[in-house]
């Protein structure tokens, strides 16, 4: 998941755990592991951003990373 969004909201890993994510689950999300729609909605809620913005941010990050390769 896009860590800059998390940082922009000033949320630590501990904060994300308080939203019901286990430490391991959140680490897997940060590492870019595939997630379910339900998890995507939970992340969107925790970061207090529309799911569309979250998807756009991740998409932008992936395109940028692909260009760097």
N, C-alpha and C. Protein backbone atom coordinates (compact mmCIF):
# COMPACT_ATOMS: atom_id res chain seq x y z
N UNK A 1 0.85 -1.16 0.00
CA UNK A 1 0.00 0.00 0.00
C UNK A 1 0.89 1.21 0.00
N UNK A 2 0.34 2.31 -0.43
CA UNK A 2 1.15 3.52 -0.55
C UNK A 2 1.44 4.10 0.83
N UNK A 3 2.69 3.98 1.25
CA UNK A 3 3.08 4.44 2.58
C UNK A 3 3.04 5.95 2.70
N UNK A 4 3.16 6.66 1.56
CA UNK A 4 3.11 8.12 1.64
C UNK A 4 1.73 8.60 2.08
N UNK A 5 0.69 7.87 1.71
CA UNK A 5 -0.66 8.23 2.17
C UNK A 5 -0.77 8.03 3.67
N UNK A 6 -0.21 6.94 4.15
CA UNK A 6 -0.22 6.67 5.59
C UNK A 6 0.57 7.75 6.32
N UNK A 7 1.73 8.09 5.79
CA UNK A 7 2.57 9.12 6.41
C UNK A 7 1.89 10.48 6.36
N UNK A 8 1.21 10.76 5.26
CA UNK A 8 0.52 12.05 5.11
C UNK A 8 -0.56 12.21 6.17
N UNK A 9 -1.14 11.11 6.57
CA UNK A 9 -2.17 11.13 7.61
C UNK A 9 -1.56 11.04 9.00
N UNK A 10 -0.21 10.93 9.05
CA UNK A 10 0.53 10.82 10.31
C UNK A 10 0.07 9.60 11.12
N UNK A 11 -0.11 8.48 10.42
CA UNK A 11 -0.51 7.25 11.08
C UNK A 11 0.69 6.30 11.13
N UNK A 12 0.96 5.78 12.31
CA UNK A 12 2.02 4.81 12.47
C UNK A 12 1.46 3.41 12.26
N UNK A 13 2.36 2.44 12.25
CA UNK A 13 1.92 1.06 12.16
C UNK A 13 1.02 0.72 13.36
N UNK A 14 1.36 1.26 14.51
CA UNK A 14 0.54 1.02 15.70
C UNK A 14 -0.88 1.59 15.52
N UNK A 15 -0.96 2.76 14.86
CA UNK A 15 -2.28 3.34 14.59
C UNK A 15 -3.09 2.42 13.70
N UNK A 16 -2.44 1.85 12.69
CA UNK A 16 -3.16 0.96 11.78
C UNK A 16 -3.62 -0.29 12.53
N UNK A 17 -2.83 -0.74 13.50
CA UNK A 17 -3.23 -1.88 14.32
C UNK A 17 -4.48 -1.52 15.12
N UNK A 18 -4.56 -0.27 15.57
CA UNK A 18 -5.75 0.15 16.33
C UNK A 18 -7.01 0.16 15.45
N UNK A 19 -6.84 0.17 14.13
CA UNK A 19 -7.98 0.08 13.21
C UNK A 19 -8.36 -1.37 12.92
N UNK A 20 -7.72 -2.30 13.65
CA UNK A 20 -8.10 -3.70 13.52
C UNK A 20 -7.20 -4.53 12.63
N UNK A 21 -6.13 -3.95 12.12
CA UNK A 21 -5.18 -4.72 11.33
C UNK A 21 -4.16 -5.35 12.27
N UNK A 22 -3.82 -6.61 12.04
CA UNK A 22 -2.73 -7.19 12.83
C UNK A 22 -1.42 -6.62 12.29
N UNK A 23 -0.38 -6.67 13.10
CA UNK A 23 0.92 -6.16 12.65
C UNK A 23 1.37 -6.90 11.39
N UNK A 24 1.24 -8.20 11.39
CA UNK A 24 1.66 -9.00 10.23
C UNK A 24 0.83 -8.66 9.00
N UNK A 25 -0.47 -8.55 9.17
CA UNK A 25 -1.34 -8.22 8.03
C UNK A 25 -0.97 -6.86 7.45
N UNK A 26 -0.73 -5.88 8.32
CA UNK A 26 -0.39 -4.55 7.84
C UNK A 26 0.97 -4.57 7.13
N UNK A 27 1.92 -5.34 7.65
CA UNK A 27 3.22 -5.46 6.99
C UNK A 27 3.06 -6.07 5.60
N UNK A 28 2.19 -7.03 5.47
CA UNK A 28 1.95 -7.64 4.16
C UNK A 28 1.30 -6.64 3.20
N UNK A 29 0.40 -5.82 3.70
CA UNK A 29 -0.23 -4.79 2.87
C UNK A 29 0.83 -3.80 2.41
N UNK A 30 1.67 -3.35 3.35
CA UNK A 30 2.73 -2.40 3.00
C UNK A 30 3.71 -2.99 1.99
N UNK A 31 3.91 -4.30 2.03
CA UNK A 31 4.83 -4.97 1.12
C UNK A 31 4.23 -5.15 -0.28
N UNK A 32 2.95 -4.82 -0.42
CA UNK A 32 2.33 -4.90 -1.73
C UNK A 32 1.64 -6.21 -2.03
N UNK A 33 1.41 -7.01 -1.01
CA UNK A 33 0.69 -8.26 -1.22
C UNK A 33 -0.75 -7.95 -1.66
N UNK A 34 -1.33 -8.82 -2.48
CA UNK A 34 -2.73 -8.62 -2.90
C UNK A 34 -3.66 -8.59 -1.69
N UNK A 35 -4.69 -7.76 -1.78
CA UNK A 35 -5.67 -7.64 -0.70
C UNK A 35 -7.07 -7.80 -1.27
N UNK A 36 -8.00 -8.03 -0.38
CA UNK A 36 -9.40 -8.16 -0.79
C UNK A 36 -10.03 -6.77 -0.89
N UNK A 37 -11.19 -6.73 -1.49
CA UNK A 37 -11.96 -5.49 -1.57
C UNK A 37 -12.31 -5.00 -0.18
N UNK A 38 -12.65 -5.92 0.71
CA UNK A 38 -13.00 -5.54 2.08
C UNK A 38 -11.81 -4.87 2.76
N UNK A 39 -10.62 -5.43 2.58
CA UNK A 39 -9.42 -4.82 3.16
C UNK A 39 -9.17 -3.46 2.54
N UNK A 40 -9.36 -3.33 1.24
CA UNK A 40 -9.20 -2.04 0.57
C UNK A 40 -10.13 -1.00 1.17
N UNK A 41 -11.36 -1.38 1.43
CA UNK A 41 -12.32 -0.46 2.05
C UNK A 41 -11.91 -0.10 3.47
N UNK A 42 -11.38 -1.07 4.21
CA UNK A 42 -10.92 -0.81 5.59
C UNK A 42 -9.75 0.17 5.59
N UNK A 43 -8.81 -0.02 4.65
CA UNK A 43 -7.66 0.89 4.55
C UNK A 43 -8.14 2.29 4.19
N UNK A 44 -9.05 2.38 3.24
CA UNK A 44 -9.61 3.66 2.83
C UNK A 44 -10.26 4.37 4.02
N UNK A 45 -10.99 3.61 4.81
CA UNK A 45 -11.64 4.17 5.99
C UNK A 45 -10.61 4.64 7.02
N UNK A 46 -9.59 3.81 7.26
CA UNK A 46 -8.56 4.16 8.24
C UNK A 46 -7.80 5.41 7.83
N UNK A 47 -7.50 5.54 6.54
CA UNK A 47 -6.75 6.70 6.05
C UNK A 47 -7.65 7.91 5.79
N UNK A 48 -8.96 7.68 5.92
CA UNK A 48 -9.95 8.74 5.72
C UNK A 48 -9.84 9.39 4.35
N UNK A 49 -9.72 8.53 3.32
CA UNK A 49 -9.71 9.01 1.94
C UNK A 49 -10.65 8.14 1.12
N UNK A 50 -11.22 8.71 0.07
CA UNK A 50 -12.10 7.91 -0.79
C UNK A 50 -11.33 6.75 -1.42
N UNK A 51 -11.99 5.63 -1.56
CA UNK A 51 -11.34 4.45 -2.14
C UNK A 51 -10.81 4.76 -3.54
N UNK A 52 -11.49 5.63 -4.28
CA UNK A 52 -11.04 6.00 -5.62
C UNK A 52 -9.67 6.68 -5.57
N UNK A 53 -9.48 7.53 -4.57
CA UNK A 53 -8.21 8.23 -4.42
C UNK A 53 -7.11 7.24 -4.04
N UNK A 54 -7.43 6.30 -3.19
CA UNK A 54 -6.47 5.28 -2.78
C UNK A 54 -6.04 4.45 -3.99
N UNK A 55 -6.99 4.02 -4.79
CA UNK A 55 -6.68 3.23 -5.98
C UNK A 55 -5.84 4.04 -6.96
N UNK A 56 -6.21 5.30 -7.16
CA UNK A 56 -5.45 6.16 -8.08
C UNK A 56 -4.02 6.34 -7.60
N UNK A 57 -3.83 6.48 -6.31
CA UNK A 57 -2.50 6.66 -5.75
C UNK A 57 -1.64 5.41 -5.96
N UNK A 58 -2.22 4.26 -5.70
CA UNK A 58 -1.50 3.01 -5.89
C UNK A 58 -1.18 2.80 -7.36
N UNK A 59 -2.13 3.09 -8.22
CA UNK A 59 -1.92 2.96 -9.66
C UNK A 59 -0.78 3.86 -10.13
N UNK A 60 -0.77 5.09 -9.65
CA UNK A 60 0.30 6.04 -10.01
C UNK A 60 1.65 5.51 -9.55
N UNK A 61 1.69 5.00 -8.34
CA UNK A 61 2.93 4.45 -7.77
C UNK A 61 3.43 3.28 -8.62
N UNK A 62 2.55 2.40 -9.05
CA UNK A 62 2.94 1.25 -9.85
C UNK A 62 3.46 1.67 -11.22
N UNK A 63 2.80 2.64 -11.85
CA UNK A 63 3.27 3.14 -13.15
C UNK A 63 4.65 3.77 -13.02
N UNK A 64 4.84 4.55 -11.97
CA UNK A 64 6.12 5.20 -11.75
C UNK A 64 7.22 4.17 -11.54
N UNK A 65 6.93 3.17 -10.75
CA UNK A 65 7.90 2.11 -10.47
C UNK A 65 8.25 1.34 -11.73
N UNK A 66 7.24 1.09 -12.58
CA UNK A 66 7.47 0.35 -13.82
C UNK A 66 8.38 1.15 -14.75
N UNK A 67 8.21 2.47 -14.81
CA UNK A 67 9.04 3.31 -15.66
C UNK A 67 10.49 3.30 -15.20
N UNK A 68 10.70 3.19 -13.90
CA UNK A 68 12.06 3.19 -13.34
C UNK A 68 12.81 1.91 -13.64
N UNK A 69 12.08 0.84 -13.97
CA UNK A 69 12.72 -0.45 -14.25
C UNK A 69 13.30 -0.42 -15.59
